[in-house]
Amino acid sequence: EVQLVESGGGLVQAGGSLRLSCAASGFTFDDYAIGWFRQAPGKEREGVSCISSSDGSTYYADSVKGRFTISSDNAKNTVYLQMNSLKPEDTAVYYCAAPLDYCSGYGPLSRADFGSWGQGTQVTVSS
């Protein structure tokens, strides 16, 4: 059974930083990619980033490019999302999702490509 556990959310002022973690189990971590999505109140869930554990290939949505960095620690089966220069519009519940066959670097990410989701972690950016 695939399990994904997010942590690291919280309240931060605009311009601040947070690092989200996604601990994965139940599948061969090195063989798949993991993605991050977010959902703000009243909005659709949108793909933010993904990373392939096999070769480190990444994708970023235009809205976060240059501010967010995704990374993978294969020894810990954990993916991180470092979020810098946060803006109020980044406020959302952030979800990690897996397993994706490969993160090609081209988006947008599709929810339909992911079979399992974490419970989500709230990120709130105050102005």
Foldseek 3Di string as FASTA:
>chain_A
DKAWAKDWADEEAAQAKIKMKIAIDDDQLQQFKKWKWWDDPPDDIWTAKMAHNNPGDMAGDPVQPPFWDWDADNVRNMIMIIGGRDDQVVWTWMKMFDGARHHPHDDDDDPVRTDDIHPTDTHGYHD
